[in-house]
Protein backbone atom coordinates (compact mmCIF):
# COMPACT_ATOMS: atom_id res chain seq x y z
CA MET A 1 -10.32 -21.69 -8.16
CA GLU A 2 -9.25 -20.24 -11.38
CA PRO A 3 -11.84 -20.23 -12.82
CA TYR A 4 -14.10 -18.78 -10.39
CA ALA A 5 -12.18 -16.48 -9.49
CA ALA A 6 -14.25 -12.75 -10.81
CA ASP A 7 -17.59 -15.38 -8.72
CA LEU A 8 -15.95 -16.81 -5.61
CA PRO A 9 -15.99 -13.31 -4.11
CA VAL A 10 -19.68 -13.09 -5.21
CA PHE A 11 -20.52 -15.44 -3.81
CA PHE A 12 -18.44 -15.96 -0.42
CA TYR A 13 -20.20 -12.28 0.52
CA ALA A 14 -24.12 -13.57 -0.44
CA THR A 15 -23.37 -16.73 1.82
CA LEU A 16 -22.01 -14.51 4.34
CA PHE A 17 -24.65 -11.96 4.34
CA ASN A 18 -27.31 -14.43 4.08
CA ARG A 19 -26.33 -16.29 7.22
CA TYR A 20 -25.45 -13.29 9.37
CA PRO A 21 -27.61 -10.64 7.92
CA GLN A 22 -26.01 -8.74 11.08
CA VAL A 23 -22.54 -7.61 9.05
CA ARG A 24 -24.20 -6.31 6.02
CA GLU A 25 -24.31 -2.77 7.98
CA LEU A 26 -20.44 -3.09 8.15
CA PHE A 27 -19.56 -3.12 4.37
CA PRO A 28 -19.76 -0.56 1.84
CA PRO A 29 -23.56 -0.66 -0.85
CA ASP A 30 -20.99 -1.29 -3.58
CA MET A 31 -19.04 -4.56 -3.07
CA ASP A 32 -17.23 -4.04 -5.71
CA VAL A 33 -14.22 -3.14 -4.53
CA GLN A 34 -14.02 -5.56 -1.87
CA HIS A 35 -14.62 -8.46 -3.82
CA ASP A 36 -11.31 -7.99 -5.06
CA ARG A 37 -9.66 -7.17 -1.85
CA LEU A 38 -10.98 -10.83 -0.86
CA LEU A 39 -9.00 -12.33 -4.17
CA ARG A 40 -6.13 -10.61 -3.77
CA ALA A 41 -6.01 -11.73 0.12
CA LEU A 42 -6.28 -14.90 -0.44
CA LEU A 43 -4.39 -15.36 -3.17
CA MET A 44 -1.20 -13.56 -0.71
CA ILE A 45 -2.71 -16.65 1.73
CA VAL A 46 -1.99 -18.99 -0.20
CA GLU A 47 1.18 -17.47 -1.47
CA LEU A 48 2.85 -17.01 1.56
CA VAL A 49 1.73 -20.17 3.63
CA ASP A 50 5.28 -21.98 3.37
CA ASP A 51 6.56 -18.53 4.79
CA PRO A 52 4.50 -18.22 8.13
CA GLU A 53 7.27 -15.15 8.63
CA ASN A 54 5.65 -12.98 5.89
CA LEU A 55 2.65 -14.90 6.80
CA VAL A 56 2.48 -13.62 9.97
CA ARG A 57 3.48 -9.95 9.33
CA PHE A 58 0.90 -9.53 6.44
CA CYS A 59 -2.01 -10.59 8.73
CA SER A 60 -1.11 -9.07 11.05
CA HIS A 61 -1.73 -6.06 9.21
CA LEU A 62 -4.78 -7.08 7.61
CA GLY A 63 -6.40 -7.33 11.69
CA ARG A 64 -4.96 -4.20 12.49
CA ASP A 65 -6.66 -3.15 9.45
CA HIS A 66 -9.86 -4.87 10.04
CA ARG A 67 -10.27 -2.45 12.85
CA LYS A 68 -10.86 0.38 11.61
CA PHE A 69 -14.54 -1.69 9.75
CA GLY A 70 -15.98 -2.24 13.35
CA THR A 71 -14.31 -5.55 13.03
CA LEU A 72 -15.27 -8.01 15.88
CA SER A 73 -13.71 -11.55 17.37
CA ALA A 74 -16.91 -12.81 17.06
CA HIS A 75 -17.01 -11.97 13.43
CA TYR A 76 -14.23 -14.21 12.41
CA ASP A 77 -15.83 -17.56 13.12
CA ALA A 78 -19.15 -16.63 10.48
CA VAL A 79 -16.19 -15.76 8.23
CA GLY A 80 -14.08 -18.96 8.23
CA GLU A 81 -17.20 -20.81 7.62
CA CYS A 82 -18.26 -19.38 5.11
CA LEU A 83 -15.49 -18.72 3.54
CA LEU A 84 -14.76 -22.55 3.91
CA ALA A 85 -18.43 -23.24 2.48
CA THR A 86 -17.18 -20.79 -1.28
CA LEU A 87 -14.13 -22.99 -1.58
CA ALA A 88 -16.07 -26.13 -0.83
CA HIS A 89 -18.49 -25.21 -3.97
CA PHE A 90 -16.15 -23.72 -6.50
CA ALA A 91 -13.78 -27.10 -5.67
CA GLY A 92 -15.93 -29.65 -6.06
CA ALA A 93 -14.75 -32.81 -6.46
CA ALA A 94 -11.02 -31.37 -5.28
CA TRP A 95 -12.61 -30.53 -1.73
CA THR A 96 -10.75 -33.82 -0.04
CA PRO A 97 -11.30 -33.79 3.25
CA GLU A 98 -7.03 -33.57 3.44
CA ILE A 99 -8.10 -30.21 1.64
CA ALA A 100 -11.04 -29.18 4.04
CA ALA A 101 -8.49 -29.87 6.91
CA ALA A 102 -5.64 -27.60 5.53
CA TRP A 103 -7.61 -24.68 4.71
CA THR A 104 -9.08 -24.65 8.08
CA ARG A 105 -6.13 -25.18 9.81
CA ALA A 106 -4.67 -22.25 7.33
CA TYR A 107 -7.88 -20.42 8.40
CA THR A 108 -7.56 -21.00 11.86
CA THR A 109 -4.07 -19.53 11.58
CA VAL A 110 -4.95 -16.51 9.45
CA ALA A 111 -8.08 -15.51 12.05
CA GLU A 112 -5.88 -15.70 15.58
CA VAL A 113 -2.90 -13.97 14.05
CA MET A 114 -5.56 -11.61 12.14
CA ASP A 115 -7.07 -11.18 15.79
CA GLY A 116 -4.76 -11.33 18.56
CA ALA A 117 -3.40 -8.14 16.17
CA ALA A 118 -6.32 -6.07 15.92
CA MET A 119 -6.81 -6.79 20.20
CA ALA A 120 -2.59 -6.05 20.73
CA ASP A 121 -3.62 -2.75 18.59
CA ALA A 122 -6.16 -1.65 19.94
CA ALA A 123 -4.61 -1.44 23.71
CA LEU A 124 -2.19 1.14 21.83
CA ARG A 125 -4.30 3.30 19.67
CA PRO A 126 -7.50 4.48 18.11
CA ALA A 127 -8.82 2.60 15.38
CA THR A 128 -9.55 5.42 12.86
CA TRP A 129 -8.74 9.58 13.85
CA GLU A 130 -10.45 12.36 12.60
CA ALA A 131 -8.90 14.36 10.26
CA ARG A 132 -9.41 17.85 8.35
CA ILE A 133 -8.58 19.41 5.51
CA VAL A 134 -6.15 22.69 5.60
CA ASP A 135 -4.43 23.37 2.40
CA HIS A 136 -6.14 22.08 -1.02
CA ARG A 137 -3.96 22.29 -3.95
CA LEU A 138 -4.78 21.52 -8.06
CA HIS A 139 -1.58 20.25 -10.05
CA GLY A 140 -2.94 20.08 -13.12
CA GLN A 141 -7.04 19.31 -13.93
CA ASP A 142 -6.39 15.43 -12.35
CA LEU A 143 -3.48 15.94 -9.41
CA ALA A 144 -4.21 17.35 -6.47
CA GLU A 145 -2.03 17.75 -2.87
CA ILE A 146 -4.24 17.56 0.16
CA THR A 147 -2.91 18.58 3.34
CA VAL A 148 -4.97 17.57 6.65
CA ARG A 149 -4.72 17.99 10.75
CA THR A 150 -5.77 15.67 13.12
CA THR A 151 -7.36 16.26 15.99
CA GLN A 152 -5.54 13.36 17.92
CA PRO A 153 -2.03 13.08 17.22
CA TYR A 154 -0.80 10.55 14.69
CA PRO A 155 2.04 8.85 15.55
CA PHE A 156 3.33 7.11 11.16
CA THR A 157 6.89 6.55 10.12
CA GLY A 158 7.97 8.14 6.40
CA GLY A 159 7.22 5.65 3.63
CA GLN A 160 3.86 3.72 5.22
CA TYR A 161 0.96 4.16 3.32
CA VAL A 162 -2.48 5.53 5.22
CA SER A 163 -6.50 4.71 4.56
CA MET A 164 -9.07 7.25 3.90
CA GLU A 165 -12.62 7.81 4.80
CA THR A 166 -13.89 10.93 2.36
CA PRO A 167 -17.29 11.90 3.62
CA TRP A 168 -18.93 11.76 -0.58
CA SER A 169 -18.89 7.32 0.50
CA PRO A 170 -19.03 6.20 3.55
CA LYS A 171 -17.13 2.73 4.34
CA VAL A 172 -15.55 3.19 1.66
CA TRP A 173 -11.50 3.16 2.09
CA ARG A 174 -8.75 3.92 -0.37
CA TYR A 175 -4.84 4.10 0.54
CA TYR A 176 -2.65 6.70 0.45
CA SER A 177 0.63 7.57 0.73
CA PRO A 178 1.68 10.62 2.85
CA ALA A 179 4.49 12.59 0.79
CA ASN A 180 6.39 13.51 4.73
CA ALA A 181 7.38 12.10 6.93
CA PRO A 182 6.16 13.38 10.72
CA ARG A 183 5.87 17.32 11.22
CA GLN A 184 6.12 19.97 14.46
CA ASP A 185 3.12 20.83 13.52
CA GLY A 186 1.23 17.87 13.12
CA THR A 187 -0.10 18.10 9.56
CA ILE A 188 0.28 14.96 6.49
CA THR A 189 -0.13 16.05 3.00
CA PHE A 190 -1.35 13.71 0.49
CA HIS A 191 -1.20 13.41 -3.78
CA VAL A 192 -3.90 12.84 -5.01
CA ARG A 193 -4.28 11.65 -8.56
CA ALA A 194 -8.08 11.26 -10.29
CA VAL A 195 -8.49 8.45 -12.13
CA THR A 196 -11.39 7.21 -14.48
CA GLY A 197 -14.15 5.85 -12.20
CA GLY A 198 -11.95 6.78 -9.25
CA ARG A 199 -15.36 8.02 -7.12
CA ILE A 200 -12.62 8.54 -3.88
CA SER A 201 -10.25 9.69 -6.36
CA ASN A 202 -12.35 12.48 -7.93
CA ALA A 203 -14.01 13.66 -5.12
CA LEU A 204 -10.76 14.34 -3.31
CA VAL A 205 -9.52 15.79 -6.50
CA ARG A 206 -12.10 17.86 -7.62
CA ARG A 207 -14.91 18.45 -4.32
CA ALA A 208 -12.76 18.21 -1.40
CA GLU A 209 -12.16 21.46 0.50
CA VAL A 210 -10.69 23.28 3.27
CA GLY A 211 -12.26 22.63 6.44
CA ASP A 212 -13.62 18.86 4.80
CA GLN A 213 -13.60 16.45 7.52
CA LEU A 214 -11.95 12.95 6.49
CA ARG A 215 -11.10 9.79 8.76
CA LEU A 216 -7.95 7.88 8.38
CA GLY A 217 -7.17 4.20 9.89
CA ALA A 218 -4.20 3.00 11.43
CA PRO A 219 -0.55 3.88 9.05
CA GLN A 220 0.81 0.28 7.46
CA GLY A 221 3.50 -0.79 5.51
CA ASP A 222 7.15 -1.63 6.41
CA MET A 223 8.65 0.26 3.41
CA VAL A 224 10.31 2.47 6.30
CA LEU A 225 13.73 3.01 6.06
CA ASP A 226 16.02 0.63 9.00
CA PRO A 227 18.20 3.74 10.77
CA ALA A 228 20.50 0.56 12.30
CA SER A 229 21.49 -0.84 8.49
CA PRO A 230 24.89 0.19 6.73
CA ARG A 231 23.66 -0.03 3.20
CA ASP A 232 23.20 2.39 0.90
CA VAL A 233 19.14 2.72 -0.31
CA VAL A 234 18.01 2.89 -4.48
CA CYS A 235 14.44 4.22 -4.73
CA VAL A 236 12.56 3.82 -8.05
CA ALA A 237 8.96 5.71 -7.82
CA GLY A 238 6.34 6.62 -11.01
CA GLY A 239 3.40 8.67 -10.24
CA THR A 240 2.25 9.12 -6.99
CA GLY A 241 4.69 6.43 -5.80
CA LEU A 242 6.84 9.46 -4.95
CA ALA A 243 5.40 10.67 -2.03
CA PRO A 244 6.17 7.89 0.13
CA ILE A 245 9.71 8.59 -1.55
CA ARG A 246 9.57 12.03 -0.55
CA ALA A 247 8.87 10.46 2.99
CA LEU A 248 11.78 8.10 3.08
CA ILE A 249 14.22 11.15 2.04
CA GLU A 250 12.38 13.12 4.82
CA GLN A 251 12.43 10.64 7.21
CA ALA A 252 15.97 9.76 6.76
CA ALA A 253 17.16 13.13 7.50
CA LEU A 254 14.93 13.42 10.74
CA ASP A 255 16.85 10.39 12.13
CA GLY A 256 20.25 11.34 11.17
CA VAL A 257 20.95 8.87 8.30
CA ARG A 258 24.11 10.22 6.35
CA ARG A 259 23.78 6.70 3.92
CA GLN A 260 23.86 7.38 -0.57
CA VAL A 261 20.35 7.95 -1.35
CA ASP A 262 19.66 6.93 -5.31
CA VAL A 263 16.36 7.87 -6.30
CA PHE A 264 15.06 7.00 -9.70
CA LEU A 265 11.36 8.78 -10.26
CA GLY A 266 9.35 7.56 -14.11
CA ALA A 267 6.95 8.69 -15.57
CA ARG A 268 5.26 8.65 -19.60
CA THR A 269 5.30 12.57 -19.61
CA ALA A 270 6.88 15.45 -18.67
CA GLN A 271 4.08 16.94 -16.87
CA GLU A 272 3.91 13.65 -13.95
CA LEU A 273 7.12 14.50 -13.27
CA PHE A 274 5.34 16.30 -10.29
CA GLY A 275 7.29 16.91 -7.43
CA LEU A 276 10.78 16.78 -9.24
CA ASP A 277 11.73 20.13 -8.73
CA ASP A 278 10.76 19.69 -5.38
CA LEU A 279 13.14 16.36 -5.07
CA LEU A 280 16.14 18.68 -6.93
CA ARG A 281 15.83 20.88 -4.40
CA LEU A 282 16.44 18.31 -1.36
CA SER A 283 19.28 17.21 -3.01
CA LYS A 284 21.56 20.15 -3.29
CA ARG A 285 20.53 20.37 0.41
CA TYR A 286 21.76 16.75 1.75
CA ARG A 287 24.72 15.67 -0.41
CA TRP A 288 23.55 11.69 -0.07
CA LEU A 289 21.02 12.30 -2.28
CA THR A 290 20.97 11.82 -5.92
CA VAL A 291 17.66 12.02 -7.95
CA ARG A 292 17.75 11.12 -11.61
CA ALA A 293 14.56 11.12 -14.04
CA ALA A 294 13.28 8.93 -16.66
CA VAL A 295 9.83 9.57 -19.15
CA ALA A 296 9.29 6.51 -21.22
CA ASP A 297 8.84 8.91 -24.87
CA GLU A 298 11.13 12.47 -24.45
CA ASP A 299 14.44 13.30 -22.99
CA VAL A 300 13.91 15.66 -19.67
CA ARG A 301 17.13 16.56 -17.21
CA ASP A 302 19.95 13.71 -16.88
CA GLY A 303 17.75 11.22 -17.68
CA ALA A 304 16.61 9.43 -20.80
CA GLY A 305 14.10 6.68 -22.43
CA GLN A 306 13.04 3.35 -19.70
CA LEU A 307 13.30 3.73 -16.23
CA THR A 308 14.26 0.24 -15.87
CA SER A 309 17.33 0.52 -18.58
CA ILE A 310 18.56 3.76 -16.46
CA LEU A 311 18.39 2.04 -13.22
CA ALA A 312 19.80 -0.89 -14.66
CA GLN A 313 22.70 1.08 -16.00
CA ALA A 314 23.29 2.77 -12.82
CA GLY A 315 24.30 -0.22 -10.76
CA PRO A 316 25.90 -1.83 -9.58
CA TRP A 317 23.64 -2.28 -6.39
CA GLN A 318 23.64 -5.71 -5.58
CA ARG A 319 25.05 -4.14 -2.65
CA HIS A 320 21.43 -1.43 -1.48
CA ASP A 321 18.23 -2.09 0.42
CA ALA A 322 15.69 -1.10 -2.61
CA TYR A 323 12.67 0.88 -2.32
CA LEU A 324 10.21 0.67 -5.09
CA SER A 325 6.68 2.39 -5.14
CA GLY A 326 3.86 3.43 -8.32
CA PRO A 327 2.16 0.89 -10.78
CA ALA A 328 2.17 -2.64 -10.58
CA PRO A 329 3.61 -3.56 -14.17
CA MET A 330 6.37 -0.30 -12.93
CA ILE A 331 7.25 -1.83 -9.52
CA VAL A 332 7.89 -5.85 -11.61
CA SER A 333 9.87 -4.59 -13.72
CA ALA A 334 11.76 -1.92 -11.75
CA GLY A 335 11.62 -5.34 -9.18
CA ARG A 336 13.70 -7.69 -11.35
CA VAL A 337 16.00 -5.84 -12.78
CA LEU A 338 17.10 -5.04 -9.34
CA LEU A 339 17.16 -9.58 -8.52
CA ARG A 340 18.85 -9.80 -11.51
CA GLY A 341 21.84 -7.16 -10.48
CA GLY A 342 21.85 -9.26 -7.42
CA ILE A 343 19.47 -7.55 -4.51
CA PRO A 344 17.97 -10.23 -2.19
CA LEU A 345 14.13 -10.70 -2.22
CA HIS A 346 14.11 -9.20 1.53
CA ARG A 347 16.33 -6.53 0.95
CA ILE A 348 13.44 -5.03 -1.22
CA HIS A 349 10.73 -2.70 -0.31
CA HIS A 350 7.39 -2.69 -2.15
CA ASP A 351 3.72 -2.47 -1.67
CA PRO A 352 2.53 -6.03 -0.40
CA PHE A 353 -0.19 -7.18 -3.03
CA VAL A 354 2.62 -7.35 -5.86
CA SER A 355 4.92 -10.01 -6.60
CA LEU A 356 8.20 -10.18 -7.70
CA GLU A 357 7.83 -14.32 -7.66
CA ASP A 358 9.69 -14.39 -11.03
CA PRO A 359 12.93 -12.72 -11.41
CA THR A 360 13.99 -14.43 -14.51
CA SER A 361 10.48 -13.29 -16.87
């Protein structure tokens, strides 16, 4: 299927909308991002097909997250029919009866897990939350610190991420991580960097104002601290990936965790080290917190050079739990350093769409 990666999602959605035109209204006009997400989800399912525990966890997240789109149980049969037709179309002679049966079983499992997770979630909480911007602060030209307050209590744990819909692009959702643990006043702060060509990020940074209404999907992600774990913690963050790491630190303080937490913050330039001063203030308040910064092209504070080199030199980390957040290449590089240093894969927490499968490269 690999040579057809760009064409597969296009064919799938064309088939779906042709056979079931009533589902088209669930999707945004521009389908480019949706194409990418479909392909990534399929690749993740293939990767996890022999790992039932993590496959169920991943698909449960997908099912709960799909509630915000208005997905119904009946939609799963339609999607399955069109997905199998798409795979058969591109696989050609490789689509044997055995392969067809295997994919049918796999999709049936995925659909059942997603639908079951969605129904269980619907009994506990709404699909979306209305949120109003109560503070909007620019840090330079491309970075905004945006604080919102939801109309209903929004239960989340520091380290999780949130999908967000804006009024400027209806039905288009982007994921952002709160930069704080739950607060008594119910506010949530996000760090948003405007990226080239990014409609949502640019609108949030340059158009959003206090009073604007947003919509949040349910919190997701397993990158949360286990209060029962006796192990110390090592965190690696890059860019706006600092947000969930900062939330983890606040969550540790709220939970009364007193394990040692070592944070490594990386950036290309010193100007991109947004949040470092705030972290250093936290490290003075909490003796169990240590913060190091690394800049790729210049010295800063007590760190220098490439982040992964500093991380490797500061070990050993084999007795730690690890949390990684930031650009995918940084997550992979840091993850492989930690794997080579002796931390088992299941104790390295990171974005679910990033793979650390080859620890030797």
